[in-house]
Amino acid sequence: MLIWVVEKKVVRHLIEQRGQLAEVPVRVSFEYAVDERTVVDGSLSLKTLYNKAAIHKHFPELDEAWVQTQVQATVDRAIDEHLAMSGFIRH
C-alpha cells in the first residue's frame, strides 16, 4: 500500500565564522511516498526557507552558494534522522 506523507520541521543550522556562532532556523516542508515502510526512490521533495539576507548582513564574506550547500547538508541529515526515527528505510 502506497502512502504519501507531508511533514514540516524547523531545523537549526549553525554557522561559525571569526569566532562568532550564529544559529539559523530553517523551515523545511517535505513530502515522500512510503511503501511497506520504505521511502519510494525519487519521491522525496522538499522546500527550505531561511533568512539569507540576515546571514549575508552578519557574515558578508560568506559565499551564498557555500551557505546554501551547508544548509542543505544539515537539512539532509535532519530528514534522514527523522525518517530513521519514524521507522522508515531510505535507500
C-alpha atoms as a PDB file:
ATOM      1  CA  MET A   1       0.000   0.000   0.000  1.00  0.00           C
ATOM      2  CA  LEU A   2       1.445   3.347  -1.056  1.00  0.00           C
ATOM      3  CA  ILE A   3       1.065   6.277   1.344  1.00  0.00           C
ATOM      4  CA  TRP A   4       2.086   9.917   0.778  1.00  0.00           C
ATOM      5  CA  VAL A   5       3.424  11.735   3.827  1.00  0.00           C
ATOM      6  CA  VAL A   6       3.682  15.526   4.110  1.00  0.00           C
ATOM      7  CA  GLU A   7       5.658  16.987   7.000  1.00  0.00           C
ATOM      8  CA  LYS A   8       7.059  20.279   8.246  1.00  0.00           C
ATOM      9  CA  LYS A   9      10.037  20.817  10.558  1.00  0.00           C
ATOM     10  CA  VAL A  10      12.301  23.574  11.774  1.00  0.00           C
ATOM     11  CA  VAL A  11      15.951  22.588  11.539  1.00  0.00           C
ATOM     12  CA  ARG A  12      18.734  24.545  13.253  1.00  0.00           C
ATOM     13  CA  HIS A  13      21.895  25.200  11.229  1.00  0.00           C
ATOM     14  CA  LEU A  14      24.991  26.610  12.938  1.00  0.00           C
ATOM     15  CA  ILE A  15      27.458  28.956  11.251  1.00  0.00           C
ATOM     16  CA  GLU A  16      30.782  29.686  12.909  1.00  0.00           C
ATOM     17  CA  GLN A  17      32.970  32.461  11.497  1.00  0.00           C
ATOM     18  CA  ARG A  18      35.507  34.834  13.056  1.00  0.00           C
ATOM     19  CA  GLY A  19      34.879  33.337  16.484  1.00  0.00           C
ATOM     20  CA  GLN A  20      31.153  34.084  16.203  1.00  0.00           C
ATOM     21  CA  LEU A  21      28.436  31.468  16.235  1.00  0.00           C
ATOM     22  CA  ALA A  22      25.057  32.028  14.614  1.00  0.00           C
ATOM     23  CA  GLU A  23      22.069  29.705  14.741  1.00  0.00           C
ATOM     24  CA  VAL A  24      19.979  29.793  11.585  1.00  0.00           C
ATOM     25  CA  PRO A  25      16.437  28.414  11.809  1.00  0.00           C
ATOM     26  CA  VAL A  26      15.465  26.682   8.561  1.00  0.00           C
ATOM     27  CA  ARG A  27      11.837  25.877   7.832  1.00  0.00           C
ATOM     28  CA  VAL A  28      11.563  22.647   5.889  1.00  0.00           C
ATOM     29  CA  SER A  29       8.477  21.269   4.163  1.00  0.00           C
ATOM     30  CA  PHE A  30       8.912  17.818   2.695  1.00  0.00           C
ATOM     31  CA  GLU A  31       6.826  15.036   1.276  1.00  0.00           C
ATOM     32  CA  TYR A  32       7.527  11.489   0.273  1.00  0.00           C
ATOM     33  CA  ALA A  33       5.825   8.226  -0.609  1.00  0.00           C
ATOM     34  CA  VAL A  34       6.125   5.164   1.624  1.00  0.00           C
ATOM     35  CA  ASP A  35       5.520   1.595   0.522  1.00  0.00           C
ATOM     36  CA  GLU A  36       5.920  -1.162   3.129  1.00  0.00           C
ATOM     37  CA  ARG A  37       7.949   1.127   5.493  1.00  0.00           C
ATOM     38  CA  THR A  38      10.361   2.025   2.652  1.00  0.00           C
ATOM     39  CA  VAL A  39      10.596   5.515   1.178  1.00  0.00           C
ATOM     40  CA  VAL A  40       9.922   5.201  -2.560  1.00  0.00           C
ATOM     41  CA  ASP A  41      13.015   6.158  -4.587  1.00  0.00           C
ATOM     42  CA  GLY A  42      12.670   9.603  -6.164  1.00  0.00           C
ATOM     43  CA  SER A  43       9.553  10.517  -4.200  1.00  0.00           C
ATOM     44  CA  LEU A  44      11.190  12.848  -1.662  1.00  0.00           C
ATOM     45  CA  SER A  45      10.708  16.522  -2.434  1.00  0.00           C
ATOM     46  CA  LEU A  46      11.457  19.404  -0.121  1.00  0.00           C
ATOM     47  CA  LYS A  47      11.340  23.158   0.200  1.00  0.00           C
ATOM     48  CA  THR A  48      13.547  25.157   2.538  1.00  0.00           C
ATOM     49  CA  LEU A  49      13.165  28.694   3.789  1.00  0.00           C
ATOM     50  CA  TYR A  50      15.655  30.709   5.828  1.00  0.00           C
ATOM     51  CA  ASN A  51      16.712  34.336   6.137  1.00  0.00           C
ATOM     52  CA  LYS A  52      19.522  34.647   3.588  1.00  0.00           C
ATOM     53  CA  ALA A  53      19.659  38.443   3.949  1.00  0.00           C
ATOM     54  CA  ALA A  54      20.337  38.213   7.687  1.00  0.00           C
ATOM     55  CA  ILE A  55      23.173  35.739   7.119  1.00  0.00           C
ATOM     56  CA  HIS A  56      24.714  37.980   4.458  1.00  0.00           C
ATOM     57  CA  LYS A  57      24.402  41.019   6.712  1.00  0.00           C
ATOM     58  CA  HIS A  58      26.033  39.240   9.658  1.00  0.00           C
ATOM     59  CA  PHE A  59      28.649  37.385   7.583  1.00  0.00           C
ATOM     60  CA  PRO A  60      29.130  39.391   4.339  1.00  0.00           C
ATOM     61  CA  GLU A  61      32.283  37.449   3.432  1.00  0.00           C
ATOM     62  CA  LEU A  62      30.430  34.130   3.088  1.00  0.00           C
ATOM     63  CA  ASP A  63      29.620  32.903  -0.390  1.00  0.00           C
ATOM     64  CA  GLU A  64      25.871  32.391  -0.769  1.00  0.00           C
ATOM     65  CA  ALA A  65      26.323  29.132  -2.699  1.00  0.00           C
ATOM     66  CA  TRP A  66      28.556  27.769   0.082  1.00  0.00           C
ATOM     67  CA  VAL A  67      25.956  28.697   2.721  1.00  0.00           C
ATOM     68  CA  GLN A  68      23.220  27.018   0.655  1.00  0.00           C
ATOM     69  CA  THR A  69      25.321  23.841   0.372  1.00  0.00           C
ATOM     70  CA  GLN A  70      25.993  23.789   4.114  1.00  0.00           C
ATOM     71  CA  VAL A  71      22.327  24.399   4.998  1.00  0.00           C
ATOM     72  CA  GLN A  72      21.246  21.672   2.569  1.00  0.00           C
ATOM     73  CA  ALA A  73      23.647  19.184   4.190  1.00  0.00           C
ATOM     74  CA  THR A  74      22.165  19.987   7.611  1.00  0.00           C
ATOM     75  CA  VAL A  75      18.616  19.589   6.258  1.00  0.00           C
ATOM     76  CA  ASP A  76      19.501  16.264   4.589  1.00  0.00           C
ATOM     77  CA  ARG A  77      20.952  14.891   7.849  1.00  0.00           C
ATOM     78  CA  ALA A  78      17.874  16.034   9.794  1.00  0.00           C
ATOM     79  CA  ILE A  79      15.497  14.389   7.302  1.00  0.00           C
ATOM     80  CA  ASP A  80      17.490  11.138   7.349  1.00  0.00           C
ATOM     81  CA  GLU A  81      17.379  11.124  11.174  1.00  0.00           C
ATOM     82  CA  HIS A  82      13.644  11.907  11.146  1.00  0.00           C
ATOM     83  CA  LEU A  83      12.906   9.085   8.705  1.00  0.00           C
ATOM     84  CA  ALA A  84      15.015   6.617  10.698  1.00  0.00           C
ATOM     85  CA  MET A  85      13.296   7.573  13.961  1.00  0.00           C
ATOM     86  CA  SER A  86       9.926   7.159  12.232  1.00  0.00           C
ATOM     87  CA  GLY A  87      10.896   3.623  11.233  1.00  0.00           C
ATOM     88  CA  PHE A  88      11.183   4.299   7.517  1.00  0.00           C
ATOM     89  CA  ILE A  89      14.005   2.972   5.353  1.00  0.00           C
ATOM     90  CA  ARG A  90      15.544   5.288   2.757  1.00  0.00           C
ATOM     91  CA  HIS A  91      17.793   3.876   0.045  1.00  0.00           C
END
